Amino acid sequence: MRRAHVQSSSVRSVGYDLDHRVLEIEYVGGGVYDYLDVPPEEALALLESDSIGRYLNGVVKPHHRCRVVHRVA
């Protein structure tokens, strides 16, 4: 999945697969995680939020399952 770099202290890049409703997050530490069944309006709101990290922690993580794409050892 293609990701776009974002301005955030905790997130390096964000990608979204509209067909599968998967939000992919690459964290500054190098880990990559997919959040499943994320509606497109939530993905857009994430990108438009004042704080991507706060939006992830408050809206995405509590309500969407996550799968590890790349874990940093």
Protein backbone atom coordinates (compact mmCIF):
# COMPACT_ATOMS: atom_id res chain seq x y z
CA MET A 1 0.00 0.00 0.00
CA ARG A 2 1.24 3.48 -0.80
CA ARG A 3 1.58 5.80 2.18
CA ALA A 4 1.94 9.57 2.34
CA HIS A 5 4.30 11.25 4.79
CA VAL A 6 2.54 13.30 7.46
CA GLN A 7 3.51 15.96 9.98
CA SER A 8 3.33 14.17 13.33
CA SER A 9 5.65 13.45 16.23
CA SER A 10 4.48 9.82 16.42
CA VAL A 11 3.39 8.88 12.87
CA ARG A 12 5.69 8.90 9.84
CA SER A 13 3.19 8.00 7.10
CA VAL A 14 -0.43 7.06 6.46
CA GLY A 15 -2.05 4.97 3.74
CA TYR A 16 -5.64 3.98 3.04
CA ASP A 17 -7.13 1.20 0.94
CA LEU A 18 -10.66 2.29 0.05
CA ASP A 19 -11.72 -1.07 -1.39
CA HIS A 20 -10.78 -2.97 1.78
CA ARG A 21 -11.27 -0.10 4.27
CA VAL A 22 -7.79 -0.57 5.71
CA LEU A 23 -5.91 2.31 7.32
CA GLU A 24 -2.16 1.68 7.36
CA ILE A 25 0.00 3.58 9.83
CA GLU A 26 3.79 3.71 9.85
CA TYR A 27 5.01 4.96 13.22
CA VAL A 28 8.16 7.03 13.71
CA GLY A 29 9.82 4.05 15.42
CA GLY A 30 9.42 1.98 12.24
CA GLY A 31 6.45 -0.23 13.10
CA VAL A 32 3.66 -0.56 10.53
CA TYR A 33 0.09 -1.47 11.53
CA ASP A 34 -3.16 -1.94 9.63
CA TYR A 35 -6.42 -0.85 11.25
CA LEU A 36 -9.33 -2.78 9.79
CA ASP A 37 -12.80 -1.71 8.64
CA VAL A 38 -12.05 2.01 8.93
CA PRO A 39 -14.65 4.10 7.07
CA PRO A 40 -13.24 6.57 4.53
CA GLU A 41 -14.59 9.54 6.49
CA GLU A 42 -12.54 8.47 9.53
CA ALA A 43 -9.39 8.14 7.42
CA LEU A 44 -9.95 11.62 6.02
CA ALA A 45 -10.70 13.04 9.48
CA LEU A 46 -7.40 11.56 10.70
CA LEU A 47 -5.48 13.42 8.02
CA GLU A 48 -7.35 16.65 8.74
CA SER A 49 -7.03 16.45 12.53
CA ASP A 50 -4.88 18.80 14.57
CA SER A 51 -3.12 15.81 16.11
CA ILE A 52 -2.83 12.55 14.20
CA GLY A 53 -1.59 10.70 17.28
CA ARG A 54 -4.48 11.91 19.44
CA TYR A 55 -7.01 10.99 16.74
CA LEU A 56 -5.51 7.51 16.41
CA ASN A 57 -5.59 6.95 20.17
CA GLY A 58 -9.07 8.39 20.68
CA VAL A 59 -11.00 7.28 17.59
CA VAL A 60 -9.21 4.59 15.59
CA LYS A 61 -7.50 2.30 18.11
CA PRO A 62 -10.47 1.86 20.49
CA HIS A 63 -12.90 0.91 17.69
CA HIS A 64 -10.94 -0.98 15.03
CA ARG A 65 -9.04 -4.25 15.05
CA CYS A 66 -5.35 -4.02 14.30
CA ARG A 67 -2.92 -6.31 12.52
CA VAL A 68 0.85 -6.02 12.57
CA VAL A 69 2.46 -5.50 9.17
CA HIS A 70 5.98 -4.85 10.48
CA ARG A 71 7.02 -4.93 14.12
CA VAL A 72 10.27 -3.36 15.25
CA ALA A 73 12.34 -5.64 17.46
